[in-house]
Amino acid sequence: MTALGFLCPSDHPKDDYPRIEQLLASDVRVDVIGTDTDEDARRVEVLRRMGAADRLAADVEALRLAGAEAVVWASTSGSFVHGWEGAHEQVRSLARAAGMPASSTSFAFVHAAQEIGVRRVALAATYPDDVAGLFADFLRSAGLEVVAVRAAGVGSAADAAAWGGPELFALAEQADSGEAEAVLVPDTTLHTAAHLPALEKSLGKPVLTANQVTVWEALRLTDRRVNAPALGALFTREPIVQV
């Protein structure tokens, strides 16, 4: 049994995680702990406070006791708002506090894009323009080319969590570009796990979504690979061999 630990903002719905655990159909356990959030707003200063090192460290003990072998800060905006260097320091601090390998959803997107061998990406973000722009900058710092950005301007996690399949598909289609090799959907509040094969069929290319890449990243940290076609191309392709 491989136990994966996730720190998830307490105001974010966590329905996708048990669904992904089920779709993995393997000896993988997914443990989710909610972290403290003092305000549900997609503003940069609020998102930076949400991902502060002391807040994340306060909740890792529960994951240690649960036997987690790796921990991922399951928030895209709560990591990339710190910038490339700040996000690295965030996960270094989390690893020290947890005593286990650590990462965040922002780095999960970078590693997932590398895994499936794509460089040019379109960004389908629920965020306001300024927050979406920070994620685009983060991806560029990782060497990805962001060829299109669609920002839906949703101002709170609660509003994003109310989205269903029609809104998700519409956003992805609006963001897509002929130049993009993949479409990235960076919001852990969105329920995407049930829609991945249909999204990829609709767009004709890989789709990387926040909760999907977050679980994949935790598996990567534990050196596990699971073939799960219901979770999209990321979970079905052979790894890219770097030369």
C-alpha atoms as a PDB file:
ATOM      1  CA  MET A   1       0.000   0.000   0.000  1.00  0.00           C
ATOM      2  CA  THR A   2       1.301   3.435  -0.984  1.00  0.00           C
ATOM      3  CA  ALA A   3      -0.096   6.251   1.168  1.00  0.00           C
ATOM      4  CA  LEU A   4      -0.208   9.728  -0.373  1.00  0.00           C
ATOM      5  CA  GLY A   5      -0.734  12.874   1.695  1.00  0.00           C
ATOM      6  CA  PHE A   6      -2.358  16.096   0.524  1.00  0.00           C
ATOM      7  CA  LEU A   7      -2.760  19.433   2.254  1.00  0.00           C
ATOM      8  CA  CYS A   8      -5.829  21.067   0.758  1.00  0.00           C
ATOM      9  CA  PRO A   9      -7.240  24.528   1.592  1.00  0.00           C
ATOM     10  CA  SER A  10     -10.159  23.892   3.924  1.00  0.00           C
ATOM     11  CA  ASP A  11     -12.603  25.898   1.814  1.00  0.00           C
ATOM     12  CA  HIS A  12     -11.939  23.760  -1.282  1.00  0.00           C
ATOM     13  CA  PRO A  13     -14.157  20.775  -2.081  1.00  0.00           C
ATOM     14  CA  LYS A  14     -12.237  17.509  -1.970  1.00  0.00           C
ATOM     15  CA  ASP A  15     -14.632  15.242  -3.887  1.00  0.00           C
ATOM     16  CA  ASP A  16     -12.125  14.588  -6.665  1.00  0.00           C
ATOM     17  CA  TYR A  17      -9.609  12.854  -4.392  1.00  0.00           C
ATOM     18  CA  PRO A  18     -11.670   9.797  -3.398  1.00  0.00           C
ATOM     19  CA  ARG A  19     -12.831   9.577  -7.017  1.00  0.00           C
ATOM     20  CA  ILE A  20      -9.232   9.565  -8.251  1.00  0.00           C
ATOM     21  CA  GLU A  21      -8.296   6.987  -5.617  1.00  0.00           C
ATOM     22  CA  GLN A  22     -11.078   4.766  -6.958  1.00  0.00           C
ATOM     23  CA  LEU A  23     -10.075   5.323 -10.597  1.00  0.00           C
ATOM     24  CA  LEU A  24      -6.464   4.406  -9.845  1.00  0.00           C
ATOM     25  CA  ALA A  25      -7.745   0.905  -9.003  1.00  0.00           C
ATOM     26  CA  SER A  26      -4.481   0.125  -7.244  1.00  0.00           C
ATOM     27  CA  ASP A  27      -2.970  -0.241  -3.784  1.00  0.00           C
ATOM     28  CA  VAL A  28      -2.854   3.535  -3.322  1.00  0.00           C
ATOM     29  CA  ARG A  29      -4.453   5.403  -0.430  1.00  0.00           C
ATOM     30  CA  VAL A  30      -5.212   9.106  -0.667  1.00  0.00           C
ATOM     31  CA  ASP A  31      -5.281  11.073   2.605  1.00  0.00           C
ATOM     32  CA  VAL A  32      -6.470  14.701   2.501  1.00  0.00           C
ATOM     33  CA  ILE A  33      -6.080  17.182   5.356  1.00  0.00           C
ATOM     34  CA  GLY A  34      -7.708  20.617   5.240  1.00  0.00           C
ATOM     35  CA  THR A  35      -5.505  23.594   6.054  1.00  0.00           C
ATOM     36  CA  ASP A  36      -6.606  26.831   7.676  1.00  0.00           C
ATOM     37  CA  THR A  37      -7.876  29.593   5.389  1.00  0.00           C
ATOM     38  CA  ASP A  38      -9.030  32.939   6.697  1.00  0.00           C
ATOM     39  CA  GLU A  39     -10.651  34.330   3.549  1.00  0.00           C
ATOM     40  CA  ASP A  40     -12.109  32.894   0.352  1.00  0.00           C
ATOM     41  CA  ALA A  41     -10.905  35.374  -2.227  1.00  0.00           C
ATOM     42  CA  ARG A  42      -8.749  35.101  -5.326  1.00  0.00           C
ATOM     43  CA  ARG A  43      -6.549  38.049  -4.400  1.00  0.00           C
ATOM     44  CA  VAL A  44      -2.782  37.726  -4.451  1.00  0.00           C
ATOM     45  CA  GLU A  45      -2.208  38.787  -0.842  1.00  0.00           C
ATOM     46  CA  VAL A  46      -4.876  36.352   0.401  1.00  0.00           C
ATOM     47  CA  LEU A  47      -3.437  33.494  -1.643  1.00  0.00           C
ATOM     48  CA  ARG A  48       0.063  34.178  -0.311  1.00  0.00           C
ATOM     49  CA  ARG A  49      -1.173  34.035   3.280  1.00  0.00           C
ATOM     50  CA  MET A  50      -3.015  30.795   2.532  1.00  0.00           C
ATOM     51  CA  GLY A  51       0.233  29.089   1.510  1.00  0.00           C
ATOM     52  CA  ALA A  52       2.421  30.474   4.294  1.00  0.00           C
ATOM     53  CA  ALA A  53       4.963  27.978   5.628  1.00  0.00           C
ATOM     54  CA  ASP A  54       3.671  28.036   9.213  1.00  0.00           C
ATOM     55  CA  ARG A  55       0.126  27.224   8.078  1.00  0.00           C
ATOM     56  CA  LEU A  56       1.242  24.253   6.043  1.00  0.00           C
ATOM     57  CA  ALA A  57       3.563  22.973   8.764  1.00  0.00           C
ATOM     58  CA  ALA A  58       0.737  23.039  11.295  1.00  0.00           C
ATOM     59  CA  ASP A  59      -1.118  20.228   9.543  1.00  0.00           C
ATOM     60  CA  VAL A  60       1.576  17.797   8.445  1.00  0.00           C
ATOM     61  CA  GLU A  61       1.599  15.815  11.701  1.00  0.00           C
ATOM     62  CA  ALA A  62      -1.767  14.269  10.851  1.00  0.00           C
ATOM     63  CA  LEU A  63      -0.355  13.040   7.546  1.00  0.00           C
ATOM     64  CA  ARG A  64       2.709  11.558   9.257  1.00  0.00           C
ATOM     65  CA  LEU A  65       0.463   9.689  11.670  1.00  0.00           C
ATOM     66  CA  ALA A  66      -1.566   8.405   8.726  1.00  0.00           C
ATOM     67  CA  GLY A  67       1.613   6.916   7.256  1.00  0.00           C
ATOM     68  CA  ALA A  68       1.920   9.217   4.238  1.00  0.00           C
ATOM     69  CA  GLU A  69       5.070   8.657   2.196  1.00  0.00           C
ATOM     70  CA  ALA A  70       4.925  12.018   0.392  1.00  0.00           C
ATOM     71  CA  VAL A  71       2.960  15.232   0.745  1.00  0.00           C
ATOM     72  CA  VAL A  72       1.714  17.698  -1.862  1.00  0.00           C
ATOM     73  CA  TRP A  73       0.349  21.179  -1.146  1.00  0.00           C
ATOM     74  CA  ALA A  74      -2.830  20.784  -3.177  1.00  0.00           C
ATOM     75  CA  SER A  75      -3.289  24.377  -4.235  1.00  0.00           C
ATOM     76  CA  THR A  76      -2.118  25.840  -7.527  1.00  0.00           C
ATOM     77  CA  SER A  77      -2.709  29.511  -6.762  1.00  0.00           C
ATOM     78  CA  GLY A  78      -1.475  29.055  -3.184  1.00  0.00           C
ATOM     79  CA  SER A  79       1.928  28.100  -4.578  1.00  0.00           C
ATOM     80  CA  PHE A  80       2.635  29.984  -7.823  1.00  0.00           C
ATOM     81  CA  VAL A  81       1.704  33.362  -6.269  1.00  0.00           C
ATOM     82  CA  HIS A  82       5.008  33.112  -4.394  1.00  0.00           C
ATOM     83  CA  GLY A  83       6.912  33.132  -7.689  1.00  0.00           C
ATOM     84  CA  TRP A  84       9.358  30.541  -8.983  1.00  0.00           C
ATOM     85  CA  GLU A  85      11.915  30.874  -6.188  1.00  0.00           C
ATOM     86  CA  GLY A  86       9.291  31.421  -3.490  1.00  0.00           C
ATOM     87  CA  ALA A  87       7.397  28.299  -4.548  1.00  0.00           C
ATOM     88  CA  HIS A  88      10.609  26.291  -4.304  1.00  0.00           C
ATOM     89  CA  GLU A  89      11.218  27.579  -0.795  1.00  0.00           C
ATOM     90  CA  GLN A  90       7.615  26.755   0.106  1.00  0.00           C
ATOM     91  CA  VAL A  91       8.039  23.068  -0.758  1.00  0.00           C
ATOM     92  CA  ARG A  92      11.492  22.907   0.833  1.00  0.00           C
ATOM     93  CA  SER A  93       9.982  24.201   4.080  1.00  0.00           C
ATOM     94  CA  LEU A  94       7.103  21.749   3.773  1.00  0.00           C
ATOM     95  CA  ALA A  95       9.497  18.833   3.246  1.00  0.00           C
ATOM     96  CA  ARG A  96      11.494  19.819   6.329  1.00  0.00           C
ATOM     97  CA  ALA A  97       8.354  20.118   8.444  1.00  0.00           C
ATOM     98  CA  ALA A  98       6.869  16.870   7.143  1.00  0.00           C
ATOM     99  CA  GLY A  99      10.046  14.798   7.125  1.00  0.00           C
ATOM    100  CA  MET A 100       9.109  13.382   3.710  1.00  0.00           C
ATOM    101  CA  PRO A 101       9.293  14.362   0.032  1.00  0.00           C
ATOM    102  CA  ALA A 102       7.052  17.334  -0.765  1.00  0.00           C
ATOM    103  CA  SER A 103       5.787  19.305  -3.729  1.00  0.00           C
ATOM    104  CA  SER A 104       2.873  21.513  -4.779  1.00  0.00           C
ATOM    105  CA  THR A 105       0.280  21.564  -7.530  1.00  0.00           C
ATOM    106  CA  SER A 106       2.150  24.287  -9.419  1.00  0.00           C
ATOM    107  CA  PHE A 107       5.245  22.097  -9.749  1.00  0.00           C
ATOM    108  CA  ALA A 108       2.985  19.146 -10.513  1.00  0.00           C
ATOM    109  CA  PHE A 109       1.832  20.940 -13.682  1.00  0.00           C
ATOM    110  CA  VAL A 110       5.430  21.531 -14.751  1.00  0.00           C
ATOM    111  CA  HIS A 111       6.479  17.936 -14.133  1.00  0.00           C
ATOM    112  CA  ALA A 112       3.332  16.559 -15.782  1.00  0.00           C
ATOM    113  CA  ALA A 113       3.925  18.644 -18.922  1.00  0.00           C
ATOM    114  CA  GLN A 114       7.479  17.334 -19.049  1.00  0.00           C
ATOM    115  CA  GLU A 115       6.213  13.774 -18.550  1.00  0.00           C
ATOM    116  CA  ILE A 116       3.950  13.879 -21.587  1.00  0.00           C
ATOM    117  CA  GLY A 117       6.517  15.769 -23.645  1.00  0.00           C
ATOM    118  CA  VAL A 118       4.711  19.050 -24.288  1.00  0.00           C
ATOM    119  CA  ARG A 119       6.190  22.543 -24.273  1.00  0.00           C
ATOM    120  CA  ARG A 120       3.501  24.792 -25.780  1.00  0.00           C
ATOM    121  CA  VAL A 121       0.438  25.025 -23.535  1.00  0.00           C
ATOM    122  CA  ALA A 122      -2.846  26.901 -23.297  1.00  0.00           C
ATOM    123  CA  LEU A 123      -4.045  28.024 -19.888  1.00  0.00           C
ATOM    124  CA  ALA A 124      -7.745  27.679 -18.975  1.00  0.00           C
ATOM    125  CA  ALA A 125      -7.979  29.467 -15.623  1.00  0.00           C
ATOM    126  CA  THR A 126     -10.987  30.330 -13.510  1.00  0.00           C
ATOM    127  CA  TYR A 127      -8.886  33.064 -11.864  1.00  0.00           C
ATOM    128  CA  PRO A 128      -8.977  36.826 -12.290  1.00  0.00           C
ATOM    129  CA  ASP A 129      -6.608  38.155 -14.952  1.00  0.00           C
ATOM    130  CA  ASP A 130      -3.774  39.126 -12.585  1.00  0.00           C
ATOM    131  CA  VAL A 131      -3.709  35.736 -10.865  1.00  0.00           C
ATOM    132  CA  ALA A 132      -3.851  33.859 -14.171  1.00  0.00           C
ATOM    133  CA  GLY A 133      -0.962  36.012 -15.377  1.00  0.00           C
ATOM    134  CA  LEU A 134       1.154  34.962 -12.409  1.00  0.00           C
ATOM    135  CA  PHE A 135       0.623  31.303 -13.261  1.00  0.00           C
ATOM    136  CA  ALA A 136       1.583  31.963 -16.875  1.00  0.00           C
ATOM    137  CA  ASP A 137       4.776  33.625 -15.610  1.00  0.00           C
ATOM    138  CA  PHE A 138       5.471  30.633 -13.363  1.00  0.00           C
ATOM    139  CA  LEU A 139       5.127  28.223 -16.288  1.00  0.00           C
ATOM    140  CA  ARG A 140       7.415  30.366 -18.418  1.00  0.00           C
ATOM    141  CA  SER A 141      10.010  30.242 -15.638  1.00  0.00           C
ATOM    142  CA  ALA A 142       9.884  26.458 -15.999  1.00  0.00           C
ATOM    143  CA  GLY A 143      10.644  26.690 -19.724  1.00  0.00           C
ATOM    144  CA  LEU A 144       7.097  26.190 -20.996  1.00  0.00           C
ATOM    145  CA  GLU A 145       5.659  28.391 -23.737  1.00  0.00           C
ATOM    146  CA  VAL A 146       2.224  29.727 -22.832  1.00  0.00           C
ATOM    147  CA  VAL A 147       0.542  30.330 -26.169  1.00  0.00           C
ATOM    148  CA  ALA A 148      -2.919  31.301 -24.882  1.00  0.00           C
ATOM    149  CA  VAL A 149      -4.510  32.365 -21.606  1.00  0.00           C
ATOM    150  CA  ARG A 150      -8.205  32.447 -20.816  1.00  0.00           C
ATOM    151  CA  ALA A 151      -9.089  33.922 -17.396  1.00  0.00           C
ATOM    152  CA  ALA A 152     -12.722  33.495 -16.350  1.00  0.00           C
ATOM    153  CA  GLY A 153     -12.498  36.053 -13.538  1.00  0.00           C
ATOM    154  CA  VAL A 154     -14.042  33.899 -10.793  1.00  0.00           C
ATOM    155  CA  GLY A 155     -13.337  35.707  -7.542  1.00  0.00           C
ATOM    156  CA  SER A 156     -13.707  32.952  -4.938  1.00  0.00           C
ATOM    157  CA  ALA A 157     -13.152  29.236  -4.463  1.00  0.00           C
ATOM    158  CA  ALA A 158     -16.819  28.778  -3.547  1.00  0.00           C
ATOM    159  CA  ASP A 159     -17.931  30.229  -6.878  1.00  0.00           C
ATOM    160  CA  ALA A 160     -15.496  28.052  -8.812  1.00  0.00           C
ATOM    161  CA  ALA A 161     -16.599  24.955  -6.895  1.00  0.00           C
ATOM    162  CA  ALA A 162     -20.163  25.548  -8.104  1.00  0.00           C
ATOM    163  CA  TRP A 163     -19.092  24.999 -11.706  1.00  0.00           C
ATOM    164  CA  GLY A 164     -20.188  21.831 -13.457  1.00  0.00           C
ATOM    165  CA  GLY A 165     -19.217  20.085 -16.659  1.00  0.00           C
ATOM    166  CA  PRO A 166     -20.685  22.658 -19.077  1.00  0.00           C
ATOM    167  CA  GLU A 167     -18.684  25.527 -17.582  1.00  0.00           C
ATOM    168  CA  LEU A 168     -15.515  23.431 -17.465  1.00  0.00           C
ATOM    169  CA  PHE A 169     -15.791  22.345 -21.102  1.00  0.00           C
ATOM    170  CA  ALA A 170     -16.607  25.883 -22.240  1.00  0.00           C
ATOM    171  CA  LEU A 171     -13.557  27.326 -20.474  1.00  0.00           C
ATOM    172  CA  ALA A 172     -11.223  24.682 -21.897  1.00  0.00           C
ATOM    173  CA  GLU A 173     -12.548  25.186 -25.427  1.00  0.00           C
ATOM    174  CA  GLN A 174     -12.250  28.990 -25.156  1.00  0.00           C
ATOM    175  CA  ALA A 175      -8.660  28.689 -23.920  1.00  0.00           C
ATOM    176  CA  ASP A 176      -7.488  26.191 -26.506  1.00  0.00           C
ATOM    177  CA  SER A 177      -5.247  27.262 -29.347  1.00  0.00           C
ATOM    178  CA  GLY A 178      -4.073  25.476 -32.464  1.00  0.00           C
ATOM    179  CA  GLU A 179      -0.520  26.106 -31.289  1.00  0.00           C
ATOM    180  CA  ALA A 180      -1.076  24.454 -27.907  1.00  0.00           C
ATOM    181  CA  GLU A 181       0.077  20.872 -27.421  1.00  0.00           C
ATOM    182  CA  ALA A 182      -1.945  20.581 -24.190  1.00  0.00           C
ATOM    183  CA  VAL A 183      -4.503  22.543 -22.190  1.00  0.00           C
ATOM    184  CA  LEU A 184      -3.885  23.223 -18.496  1.00  0.00           C
ATOM    185  CA  VAL A 185      -6.765  23.781 -16.039  1.00  0.00           C
ATOM    186  CA  PRO A 186      -5.163  25.032 -12.800  1.00  0.00           C
ATOM    187  CA  ASP A 187      -7.910  25.118 -10.184  1.00  0.00           C
ATOM    188  CA  THR A 188      -8.173  22.459  -7.465  1.00  0.00           C
ATOM    189  CA  THR A 189     -11.713  23.578  -6.630  1.00  0.00           C
ATOM    190  CA  LEU A 190     -13.023  22.373  -9.989  1.00  0.00           C
ATOM    191  CA  HIS A 191     -14.455  18.874 -10.227  1.00  0.00           C
ATOM    192  CA  THR A 192     -12.514  17.523 -13.191  1.00  0.00           C
ATOM    193  CA  ALA A 193     -11.705  13.869 -12.462  1.00  0.00           C
ATOM    194  CA  ALA A 194     -14.921  12.579 -14.021  1.00  0.00           C
ATOM    195  CA  HIS A 195     -14.424  14.557 -17.233  1.00  0.00           C
ATOM    196  CA  LEU A 196     -10.826  13.922 -18.292  1.00  0.00           C
ATOM    197  CA  PRO A 197     -11.312  11.430 -21.164  1.00  0.00           C
ATOM    198  CA  ALA A 198     -14.206  13.479 -22.561  1.00  0.00           C
ATOM    199  CA  LEU A 199     -12.216  16.727 -22.326  1.00  0.00           C
ATOM    200  CA  GLU A 200      -9.288  15.204 -24.183  1.00  0.00           C
ATOM    201  CA  LYS A 201     -11.563  13.731 -26.832  1.00  0.00           C
ATOM    202  CA  SER A 202     -13.313  17.083 -27.284  1.00  0.00           C
ATOM    203  CA  LEU A 203     -10.070  19.058 -27.638  1.00  0.00           C
ATOM    204  CA  GLY A 204      -8.053  16.376 -29.391  1.00  0.00           C
ATOM    205  CA  LYS A 205      -5.060  16.802 -27.100  1.00  0.00           C
ATOM    206  CA  PRO A 206      -3.928  16.086 -23.534  1.00  0.00           C
ATOM    207  CA  VAL A 207      -5.627  18.007 -20.746  1.00  0.00           C
ATOM    208  CA  LEU A 208      -3.897  18.507 -17.397  1.00  0.00           C
ATOM    209  CA  THR A 209      -6.126  19.472 -14.481  1.00  0.00           C
ATOM    210  CA  ALA A 210      -5.157  20.475 -10.963  1.00  0.00           C
ATOM    211  CA  ASN A 211      -6.374  17.510  -8.922  1.00  0.00           C
ATOM    212  CA  GLN A 212      -5.225  15.037 -11.567  1.00  0.00           C
ATOM    213  CA  VAL A 213      -1.645  16.352 -11.651  1.00  0.00           C
ATOM    214  CA  THR A 214      -1.559  16.730  -7.866  1.00  0.00           C
ATOM    215  CA  VAL A 215      -2.178  13.019  -7.316  1.00  0.00           C
ATOM    216  CA  TRP A 216       0.207  12.120 -10.149  1.00  0.00           C
ATOM    217  CA  GLU A 217       2.894  14.277  -8.506  1.00  0.00           C
ATOM    218  CA  ALA A 218       2.511  12.463  -5.194  1.00  0.00           C
ATOM    219  CA  LEU A 219       2.882   9.158  -7.011  1.00  0.00           C
ATOM    220  CA  ARG A 220       5.997  10.506  -8.739  1.00  0.00           C
ATOM    221  CA  LEU A 221       7.496  11.435  -5.373  1.00  0.00           C
ATOM    222  CA  THR A 222       7.018   7.836  -4.198  1.00  0.00           C
ATOM    223  CA  ASP A 223       8.364   6.355  -7.454  1.00  0.00           C
ATOM    224  CA  ARG A 224       4.996   4.819  -8.311  1.00  0.00           C
ATOM    225  CA  ARG A 225       3.452   4.650 -11.761  1.00  0.00           C
ATOM    226  CA  VAL A 226      -0.162   3.644 -12.173  1.00  0.00           C
ATOM    227  CA  ASN A 227      -1.880   3.043 -15.498  1.00  0.00           C
ATOM    228  CA  ALA A 228      -5.354   4.573 -15.246  1.00  0.00           C
ATOM    229  CA  PRO A 229      -6.881   5.482 -18.635  1.00  0.00           C
ATOM    230  CA  ALA A 230      -9.911   7.083 -16.959  1.00  0.00           C
ATOM    231  CA  LEU A 231      -7.538   9.779 -15.667  1.00  0.00           C
ATOM    232  CA  GLY A 232      -6.366  10.914 -19.076  1.00  0.00           C
ATOM    233  CA  ALA A 233      -3.187  10.845 -21.130  1.00  0.00           C
ATOM    234  CA  LEU A 234      -0.981  11.652 -18.131  1.00  0.00           C
ATOM    235  CA  PHE A 235      -1.849   8.285 -16.596  1.00  0.00           C
ATOM    236  CA  THR A 236      -1.616   6.256 -19.785  1.00  0.00           C
ATOM    237  CA  ARG A 237       1.446   7.433 -21.666  1.00  0.00           C
ATOM    238  CA  GLU A 238       4.897   5.947 -21.338  1.00  0.00           C
ATOM    239  CA  PRO A 239       7.254   8.367 -19.569  1.00  0.00           C
ATOM    240  CA  ILE A 240       9.348  10.615 -21.797  1.00  0.00           C
ATOM    241  CA  VAL A 241      13.023   9.633 -21.766  1.00  0.00           C
ATOM    242  CA  GLN A 242      15.171  12.756 -21.375  1.00  0.00           C
ATOM    243  CA  VAL A 243      18.358  12.721 -23.457  1.00  0.00           C
END
